[in-house]
Amino acid sequence: MATINDVVLIYLENAPIAFARVENILPDPKKGWFQMTLLMLQIPLQTVTWILKDAYINGEEFQMNGKQMRLETIHAPKETSAFSQDGGTDFPESAPSKKAPSDSHEKTDNIISFSDLKKKTNDPTTD
């Protein structure tokens, strides 16, 4: 059964059409029915409240405006571990190291001080 914060896939005429997150499930004044508030996971975000029987929340097909509907609770796929079975990681054993420029002729990045640059542009003696 879908519960609060579950993600459900909504089917219309046996075709998946949208994902939604269950925001709330409250009993309806009509016995055996529930008010199910869904946050539609689409742009723009919107919430809808459907009045459904417990069986419909559990995934049984129902009719809405003459169309066949169904809710399916979605479970996240199992995550694969970042570690392999032998206890190691999937990363290379040694990461390549950055070499410091050994030759003074190699190009290095220049650091420009904006305050020095501003002084030069405002100085009337430099032109």
C-alpha atoms as a PDB file:
ATOM      1  CA  MET A   1       0.000   0.000   0.000  1.00  0.00           C
ATOM      2  CA  ALA A   2       1.227   3.471  -0.805  1.00  0.00           C
ATOM      3  CA  THR A   3       1.930   5.551   2.281  1.00  0.00           C
ATOM      4  CA  ILE A   4       2.935   9.156   2.944  1.00  0.00           C
ATOM      5  CA  ASN A   5       6.151  10.172   1.099  1.00  0.00           C
ATOM      6  CA  ASP A   6       5.977   7.190  -1.275  1.00  0.00           C
ATOM      7  CA  VAL A   7       6.442   7.837  -4.968  1.00  0.00           C
ATOM      8  CA  VAL A   8       3.719   6.391  -7.160  1.00  0.00           C
ATOM      9  CA  LEU A   9       3.494   5.922 -10.899  1.00  0.00           C
ATOM     10  CA  ILE A  10       0.095   6.864 -12.285  1.00  0.00           C
ATOM     11  CA  TYR A  11      -1.279   4.795 -15.157  1.00  0.00           C
ATOM     12  CA  LEU A  12      -3.991   6.017 -17.523  1.00  0.00           C
ATOM     13  CA  GLU A  13      -5.476   3.343 -19.794  1.00  0.00           C
ATOM     14  CA  ASN A  14      -2.554   0.993 -18.891  1.00  0.00           C
ATOM     15  CA  ALA A  15       0.081   3.555 -19.960  1.00  0.00           C
ATOM     16  CA  PRO A  16       2.313   5.305 -17.411  1.00  0.00           C
ATOM     17  CA  ILE A  17       1.683   9.048 -17.522  1.00  0.00           C
ATOM     18  CA  ALA A  18       3.191  10.677 -14.407  1.00  0.00           C
ATOM     19  CA  PHE A  19       4.999  10.285 -11.119  1.00  0.00           C
ATOM     20  CA  ALA A  20       3.602  11.716  -7.899  1.00  0.00           C
ATOM     21  CA  ARG A  21       4.582  11.773  -4.234  1.00  0.00           C
ATOM     22  CA  VAL A  22       1.950  10.887  -1.647  1.00  0.00           C
ATOM     23  CA  GLU A  23       1.611  13.938   0.594  1.00  0.00           C
ATOM     24  CA  ASN A  24      -1.273  12.850   2.800  1.00  0.00           C
ATOM     25  CA  ILE A  25      -3.902  10.151   3.232  1.00  0.00           C
ATOM     26  CA  LEU A  26      -6.918  11.075   5.351  1.00  0.00           C
ATOM     27  CA  PRO A  27     -10.208   9.259   5.924  1.00  0.00           C
ATOM     28  CA  ASP A  28     -13.075  10.606   3.864  1.00  0.00           C
ATOM     29  CA  PRO A  29     -16.494  11.203   5.468  1.00  0.00           C
ATOM     30  CA  LYS A  30     -17.770   8.421   3.196  1.00  0.00           C
ATOM     31  CA  LYS A  31     -16.997   5.128   4.986  1.00  0.00           C
ATOM     32  CA  GLY A  32     -14.226   3.044   3.377  1.00  0.00           C
ATOM     33  CA  TRP A  33     -12.875   5.911   1.267  1.00  0.00           C
ATOM     34  CA  PHE A  34      -9.772   8.072   1.718  1.00  0.00           C
ATOM     35  CA  GLN A  35      -8.650  11.520   0.569  1.00  0.00           C
ATOM     36  CA  MET A  36      -5.218  11.002  -0.975  1.00  0.00           C
ATOM     37  CA  THR A  37      -3.210  14.178  -1.653  1.00  0.00           C
ATOM     38  CA  LEU A  38      -0.562  13.789  -4.355  1.00  0.00           C
ATOM     39  CA  LEU A  39       2.233  16.152  -5.356  1.00  0.00           C
ATOM     40  CA  MET A  40       2.506  15.777  -9.115  1.00  0.00           C
ATOM     41  CA  LEU A  41       6.204  15.572  -9.999  1.00  0.00           C
ATOM     42  CA  GLN A  42       6.100  17.700 -13.102  1.00  0.00           C
ATOM     43  CA  ILE A  43       6.542  21.323 -14.079  1.00  0.00           C
ATOM     44  CA  PRO A  44       4.764  23.257 -12.719  1.00  0.00           C
ATOM     45  CA  LEU A  45       4.397  21.422  -9.403  1.00  0.00           C
ATOM     46  CA  GLN A  46       0.814  21.017  -8.282  1.00  0.00           C
ATOM     47  CA  THR A  47      -1.085  19.029  -5.720  1.00  0.00           C
ATOM     48  CA  VAL A  48      -4.262  17.090  -6.332  1.00  0.00           C
ATOM     49  CA  THR A  49      -6.563  15.290  -3.929  1.00  0.00           C
ATOM     50  CA  TRP A  50      -8.234  12.114  -5.080  1.00  0.00           C
ATOM     51  CA  ILE A  51     -10.915  10.287  -3.107  1.00  0.00           C
ATOM     52  CA  LEU A  52     -10.071   6.589  -3.378  1.00  0.00           C
ATOM     53  CA  LYS A  53     -10.885   3.256  -1.762  1.00  0.00           C
ATOM     54  CA  ASP A  54      -8.146   1.409   0.114  1.00  0.00           C
ATOM     55  CA  ALA A  55      -7.982  -1.153  -2.710  1.00  0.00           C
ATOM     56  CA  TYR A  56      -7.300   1.588  -5.269  1.00  0.00           C
ATOM     57  CA  ILE A  57      -4.457   2.965  -3.138  1.00  0.00           C
ATOM     58  CA  ASN A  58      -3.081  -0.595  -3.067  1.00  0.00           C
ATOM     59  CA  GLY A  59      -2.876  -0.707  -6.864  1.00  0.00           C
ATOM     60  CA  GLU A  60      -6.246  -2.043  -7.958  1.00  0.00           C
ATOM     61  CA  GLU A  61      -7.609  -0.491 -11.165  1.00  0.00           C
ATOM     62  CA  PHE A  62     -10.355   2.117 -10.925  1.00  0.00           C
ATOM     63  CA  GLN A  63     -12.280   4.465 -13.205  1.00  0.00           C
ATOM     64  CA  MET A  64     -11.871   8.242 -13.260  1.00  0.00           C
ATOM     65  CA  ASN A  65     -14.006  10.188 -15.746  1.00  0.00           C
ATOM     66  CA  GLY A  66     -14.612   6.938 -17.606  1.00  0.00           C
ATOM     67  CA  LYS A  67     -10.868   6.239 -17.984  1.00  0.00           C
ATOM     68  CA  GLN A  68      -9.064   3.230 -16.525  1.00  0.00           C
ATOM     69  CA  MET A  69      -6.579   4.369 -13.811  1.00  0.00           C
ATOM     70  CA  ARG A  70      -4.082   2.616 -11.567  1.00  0.00           C
ATOM     71  CA  LEU A  71      -1.455   3.604  -8.979  1.00  0.00           C
ATOM     72  CA  GLU A  72       1.792   1.676  -8.608  1.00  0.00           C
ATOM     73  CA  THR A  73       4.141   2.281  -5.681  1.00  0.00           C
ATOM     74  CA  ILE A  74       7.695   2.831  -6.911  1.00  0.00           C
ATOM     75  CA  HIS A  75      10.691   1.617  -4.942  1.00  0.00           C
ATOM     76  CA  ALA A  76      14.167   3.015  -5.591  1.00  0.00           C
ATOM     77  CA  PRO A  77      16.533   0.550  -7.260  1.00  0.00           C
ATOM     78  CA  LYS A  78      19.122  -0.970  -4.968  1.00  0.00           C
ATOM     79  CA  GLU A  79      22.295   1.081  -4.953  1.00  0.00           C
ATOM     80  CA  THR A  80      25.506  -0.620  -5.940  1.00  0.00           C
ATOM     81  CA  SER A  81      28.287  -0.174  -3.455  1.00  0.00           C
ATOM     82  CA  ALA A  82      31.247   2.013  -4.373  1.00  0.00           C
ATOM     83  CA  PHE A  83      33.408  -0.770  -3.006  1.00  0.00           C
ATOM     84  CA  SER A  84      34.058  -3.972  -4.895  1.00  0.00           C
ATOM     85  CA  GLN A  85      33.703  -7.373  -3.217  1.00  0.00           C
ATOM     86  CA  ASP A  86      37.457  -7.706  -2.635  1.00  0.00           C
ATOM     87  CA  GLY A  87      37.355  -4.682  -0.325  1.00  0.00           C
ATOM     88  CA  GLY A  88      38.916  -2.271  -2.783  1.00  0.00           C
ATOM     89  CA  THR A  89      37.338   0.702  -4.450  1.00  0.00           C
ATOM     90  CA  ASP A  90      36.399   1.260  -8.051  1.00  0.00           C
ATOM     91  CA  PHE A  91      38.915   4.093  -8.209  1.00  0.00           C
ATOM     92  CA  PRO A  92      42.478   3.684  -9.491  1.00  0.00           C
ATOM     93  CA  GLU A  93      44.984   2.807  -6.786  1.00  0.00           C
ATOM     94  CA  SER A  94      46.995   5.963  -7.300  1.00  0.00           C
ATOM     95  CA  ALA A  95      45.659   9.168  -8.677  1.00  0.00           C
ATOM     96  CA  PRO A  96      47.887  10.990 -11.128  1.00  0.00           C
ATOM     97  CA  SER A  97      49.816  13.717  -9.380  1.00  0.00           C
ATOM     98  CA  LYS A  98      50.259  17.203 -10.722  1.00  0.00           C
ATOM     99  CA  LYS A  99      53.835  17.939 -11.579  1.00  0.00           C
ATOM    100  CA  ALA A 100      55.288  21.223 -10.477  1.00  0.00           C
ATOM    101  CA  PRO A 101      56.932  23.075 -13.336  1.00  0.00           C
ATOM    102  CA  SER A 102      60.535  21.961 -13.232  1.00  0.00           C
ATOM    103  CA  ASP A 103      61.738  24.192 -16.023  1.00  0.00           C
ATOM    104  CA  SER A 104      61.583  27.951 -15.608  1.00  0.00           C
ATOM    105  CA  HIS A 105      60.695  28.216 -19.315  1.00  0.00           C
ATOM    106  CA  GLU A 106      57.399  26.334 -18.815  1.00  0.00           C
ATOM    107  CA  LYS A 107      54.307  28.499 -18.922  1.00  0.00           C
ATOM    108  CA  THR A 108      52.725  29.184 -15.540  1.00  0.00           C
ATOM    109  CA  ASP A 109      49.492  30.972 -14.717  1.00  0.00           C
ATOM    110  CA  ASN A 110      49.845  34.657 -13.930  1.00  0.00           C
ATOM    111  CA  ILE A 111      48.110  36.193 -10.975  1.00  0.00           C
ATOM    112  CA  ILE A 112      46.780  39.668 -11.621  1.00  0.00           C
ATOM    113  CA  SER A 113      45.997  41.932  -8.710  1.00  0.00           C
ATOM    114  CA  PHE A 114      42.923  43.998  -9.475  1.00  0.00           C
ATOM    115  CA  SER A 115      44.005  46.690  -7.027  1.00  0.00           C
ATOM    116  CA  ASP A 116      47.364  47.025  -8.853  1.00  0.00           C
ATOM    117  CA  LEU A 117      45.556  47.087 -12.182  1.00  0.00           C
ATOM    118  CA  LYS A 118      43.223  49.820 -10.950  1.00  0.00           C
ATOM    119  CA  LYS A 119      46.183  51.891  -9.738  1.00  0.00           C
ATOM    120  CA  LYS A 120      47.803  51.636 -13.179  1.00  0.00           C
ATOM    121  CA  THR A 121      44.659  52.700 -15.034  1.00  0.00           C
ATOM    122  CA  ASN A 122      44.097  55.678 -12.714  1.00  0.00           C
ATOM    123  CA  ASP A 123      47.753  56.784 -12.750  1.00  0.00           C
ATOM    124  CA  PRO A 124      48.138  59.735 -15.191  1.00  0.00           C
ATOM    125  CA  THR A 125      51.917  59.121 -15.508  1.00  0.00           C
ATOM    126  CA  THR A 126      51.404  55.794 -17.293  1.00  0.00           C
ATOM    127  CA  ASP A 127      50.452  56.232 -20.926  1.00  0.00           C
END
